[in-house]
Amino acid sequence: MDATTLEKRLLKLEAHDSIRMLVAQYGIAVDDHDLQGLAELFAKQAMFRSKDGVMEAHGREQILEQFIARFAVLGISNHVSHDHIITLDERDMQRAKGLVTSHAELWRNHQAYIAALRYKDLYVLEDGEWRFGERELAFLYYVPIAEYCDALGSPLRQRAYGDQRPADFPEGLPTWQDHRPIDANKTAG
């Protein structure tokens, strides 16, 4: 193994570690309602949106305004990241993509909620620090805790906005569509 290969491997390991730290800091900053901490995690020209279209902000200032609006309806929360898949851009080692699975316990509009989420991320190295360049939030469910058991069996698993909406995944994923159970009533002839 030559020095160039070893140096590249070390750079990859450092990038992975820094990006994992970025994701951990995000959850803590959201739970602490730490706007300054959140500002430092996003690139100047970053974008943050939700797959359902409820949230979309471009640039660090708009992203912070979006969080201020969210904090107005959110009480305490506990965001917990689980698996994190990071793919560095081999052509541009200052960019990477990521997928983060997570859960959150939240107090929203005077009610306890639970959510399972995925973040689809683009990370950029800006001013020597890894930051979010893009972050898209998608929900498997976002439901009042009292409705969790019923909601999990329904495609209408987004219930944070006073109605029941389809979940962002997995039903719409091509891989999910490929393996849907066959309805015997439709195939009987």
Protein backbone atom coordinates (compact mmCIF):
# COMPACT_ATOMS: atom_id res chain seq x y z
CA MET A 1 0.00 0.00 0.00
CA ASP A 2 1.48 3.34 -1.02
CA ALA A 3 1.30 6.59 0.94
CA THR A 4 -1.26 8.09 -1.44
CA THR A 5 -3.68 5.22 -0.84
CA LEU A 6 -3.13 5.39 2.91
CA GLU A 7 -3.67 9.16 2.92
CA LYS A 8 -6.90 8.80 0.91
CA ARG A 9 -8.19 6.11 3.29
CA LEU A 10 -7.39 8.33 6.28
CA LEU A 11 -9.22 11.28 4.67
CA LYS A 12 -12.28 9.06 4.11
CA LEU A 13 -12.27 7.87 7.73
CA GLU A 14 -11.98 11.43 9.01
CA ALA A 15 -14.80 12.57 6.72
CA HIS A 16 -17.08 9.74 7.87
CA ASP A 17 -16.39 10.54 11.51
CA SER A 18 -17.01 14.28 11.03
CA ILE A 19 -20.25 13.65 9.13
CA ARG A 20 -21.51 11.30 11.86
CA MET A 21 -20.73 14.00 14.43
CA LEU A 22 -22.65 16.54 12.30
CA VAL A 23 -25.76 14.34 12.38
CA ALA A 24 -25.46 13.80 16.15
CA GLN A 25 -25.08 17.55 16.74
CA TYR A 26 -28.21 18.21 14.64
CA GLY A 27 -30.44 16.06 16.88
CA ILE A 28 -29.12 17.70 20.02
CA ALA A 29 -29.46 21.22 18.58
CA VAL A 30 -33.08 20.56 17.57
CA ASP A 31 -33.92 19.09 20.98
CA ASP A 32 -32.25 22.04 22.73
CA HIS A 33 -33.89 24.62 20.41
CA ASP A 34 -30.33 25.86 19.81
CA LEU A 35 -30.59 28.18 16.79
CA GLN A 36 -26.90 29.16 16.88
CA GLY A 37 -25.92 25.50 16.98
CA LEU A 38 -28.23 24.74 14.04
CA ALA A 39 -26.84 27.67 12.04
CA GLU A 40 -23.33 26.25 12.29
CA LEU A 41 -24.47 22.87 10.92
CA PHE A 42 -25.86 24.16 7.61
CA ALA A 43 -23.90 25.49 4.65
CA LYS A 44 -24.60 29.11 3.75
CA GLN A 45 -26.61 28.10 0.65
CA ALA A 46 -28.13 24.93 2.17
CA MET A 47 -31.64 23.66 1.60
CA PHE A 48 -33.90 21.92 4.14
CA ARG A 49 -37.22 20.43 3.10
CA SER A 50 -39.70 17.74 3.95
CA LYS A 51 -40.75 15.18 1.36
CA ASP A 52 -44.42 16.02 1.96
CA GLY A 53 -43.80 19.66 0.99
CA VAL A 54 -44.81 21.14 4.35
CA MET A 55 -41.30 22.52 4.91
CA GLU A 56 -38.92 24.03 2.37
CA ALA A 57 -36.25 26.60 3.08
CA HIS A 58 -33.29 27.77 1.01
CA GLY A 59 -30.26 29.36 2.64
CA ARG A 60 -29.18 29.36 6.25
CA GLU A 61 -31.42 32.30 7.27
CA GLN A 62 -34.60 30.74 5.86
CA ILE A 63 -33.71 27.42 7.48
CA LEU A 64 -33.42 29.13 10.87
CA GLU A 65 -36.75 30.93 10.31
CA GLN A 66 -38.30 27.54 9.54
CA PHE A 67 -36.96 26.11 12.79
CA ILE A 68 -38.28 29.11 14.75
CA ALA A 69 -41.75 28.36 13.33
CA ARG A 70 -41.39 24.66 14.23
CA PHE A 71 -40.28 25.48 17.76
CA ALA A 72 -43.44 27.59 18.20
CA VAL A 73 -45.55 24.39 18.09
CA LEU A 74 -43.01 21.91 19.47
CA GLY A 75 -42.31 21.45 23.14
CA ILE A 76 -39.70 19.00 24.30
CA SER A 77 -38.36 16.45 21.86
CA ASN A 78 -35.91 13.59 21.79
CA HIS A 79 -34.34 12.82 18.39
CA VAL A 80 -32.37 9.57 18.18
CA SER A 81 -30.32 8.66 15.11
CA HIS A 82 -29.93 5.01 14.20
CA ASP A 83 -28.20 3.77 11.07
CA HIS A 84 -26.21 6.15 8.91
CA ILE A 85 -25.06 5.34 5.40
CA ILE A 86 -22.42 7.73 4.05
CA THR A 87 -21.15 7.72 0.47
CA LEU A 88 -18.27 10.05 -0.32
CA ASP A 89 -18.08 11.49 -3.82
CA GLU A 90 -14.92 9.89 -5.23
CA ARG A 91 -14.56 12.70 -7.81
CA ASP A 92 -15.01 15.50 -5.27
CA MET A 93 -13.90 14.58 -1.75
CA GLN A 94 -15.60 17.73 -0.43
CA ARG A 95 -19.05 16.27 -1.05
CA ALA A 96 -20.89 13.23 0.27
CA LYS A 97 -24.40 11.77 0.35
CA GLY A 98 -26.09 10.20 3.32
CA LEU A 99 -29.17 8.40 4.53
CA VAL A 100 -30.00 8.56 8.24
CA THR A 101 -32.72 6.54 9.94
CA SER A 102 -34.08 7.90 13.19
CA HIS A 103 -36.94 8.23 15.66
CA ALA A 104 -38.29 11.17 17.58
CA GLU A 105 -40.50 11.57 20.61
CA LEU A 106 -42.18 14.96 20.57
CA TRP A 107 -44.62 17.18 22.38
CA ARG A 108 -46.61 18.98 19.67
CA ASN A 109 -49.67 21.16 20.19
CA HIS A 110 -50.21 19.83 23.74
CA GLN A 111 -50.00 16.16 22.74
CA ALA A 112 -47.33 13.42 22.78
CA TYR A 113 -46.20 12.16 19.35
CA ILE A 114 -43.81 9.58 18.04
CA ALA A 115 -42.17 9.65 14.62
CA ALA A 116 -39.98 7.38 12.51
CA LEU A 117 -38.01 9.34 9.96
CA ARG A 118 -35.36 9.20 7.31
CA TYR A 119 -33.11 12.04 6.33
CA LYS A 120 -31.70 12.07 2.81
CA ASP A 121 -28.64 14.31 3.01
CA LEU A 122 -26.02 16.01 0.89
CA TYR A 123 -22.95 17.02 2.91
CA VAL A 124 -20.43 19.63 1.81
CA LEU A 125 -17.08 20.66 3.18
CA GLU A 126 -17.36 24.42 3.76
CA ASP A 127 -14.74 26.51 5.54
CA GLY A 128 -12.99 23.31 6.62
CA GLU A 129 -16.13 21.87 8.29
CA TRP A 130 -18.63 19.28 7.08
CA ARG A 131 -22.11 20.83 6.90
CA PHE A 132 -25.51 19.98 5.53
CA GLY A 133 -25.79 21.17 1.93
CA GLU A 134 -29.24 19.61 1.57
CA ARG A 135 -31.46 17.79 4.02
CA GLU A 136 -34.77 16.13 3.12
CA LEU A 137 -36.96 14.77 5.88
CA ALA A 138 -39.36 11.87 5.17
CA PHE A 139 -41.75 10.14 7.56
CA LEU A 140 -42.63 6.47 7.96
CA TYR A 141 -45.07 7.74 10.58
CA TYR A 142 -45.69 10.84 12.68
CA VAL A 143 -48.59 10.07 15.00
CA PRO A 144 -49.99 10.80 18.44
CA ILE A 145 -48.78 8.06 20.74
CA ALA A 146 -52.38 7.06 21.51
CA GLU A 147 -52.91 6.32 17.79
CA TYR A 148 -49.64 4.46 17.19
CA CYS A 149 -51.08 0.91 17.15
CA ASP A 150 -53.86 1.75 14.71
CA ALA A 151 -51.73 4.04 12.55
CA LEU A 152 -48.95 1.56 11.93
CA GLY A 153 -51.28 -0.67 9.90
CA SER A 154 -52.61 2.23 7.82
CA PRO A 155 -51.02 4.04 4.87
CA LEU A 156 -52.28 7.29 6.49
CA ARG A 157 -49.50 7.52 9.07
CA GLN A 158 -48.79 11.25 9.03
CA ARG A 159 -51.09 12.73 11.63
CA ALA A 160 -49.20 15.72 12.97
CA TYR A 161 -51.17 18.38 11.10
CA GLY A 162 -54.68 17.69 12.34
CA ASP A 163 -55.58 15.27 9.56
CA GLN A 164 -54.45 11.88 8.23
CA ARG A 165 -52.03 11.92 5.29
CA PRO A 166 -50.14 9.20 3.44
CA ALA A 167 -46.71 8.35 4.81
CA ASP A 168 -43.68 9.31 2.72
CA PHE A 169 -42.36 5.76 2.61
CA PRO A 170 -42.20 2.80 2.06
CA GLU A 171 -45.32 2.34 -0.08
CA GLY A 172 -44.11 4.71 -2.81
CA LEU A 173 -40.66 3.16 -3.15
CA PRO A 174 -40.09 1.12 -6.34
CA THR A 175 -38.65 -1.74 -4.26
CA TRP A 176 -41.81 -1.83 -2.16
CA GLN A 177 -43.98 -1.88 -5.29
CA ASP A 178 -42.03 -4.83 -6.72
CA HIS A 179 -43.03 -7.05 -3.81
CA ARG A 180 -46.59 -6.08 -2.98
CA PRO A 181 -48.84 -8.99 -2.07
CA ILE A 182 -51.13 -10.10 -4.88
CA ASP A 183 -54.80 -9.46 -4.20
CA ALA A 184 -56.45 -12.88 -4.77
CA ASN A 185 -59.80 -11.21 -5.50
CA LYS A 186 -58.34 -9.26 -8.43
CA THR A 187 -56.57 -12.24 -10.00
CA ALA A 188 -59.41 -14.76 -9.67
CA GLY A 189 -61.10 -15.25 -12.97
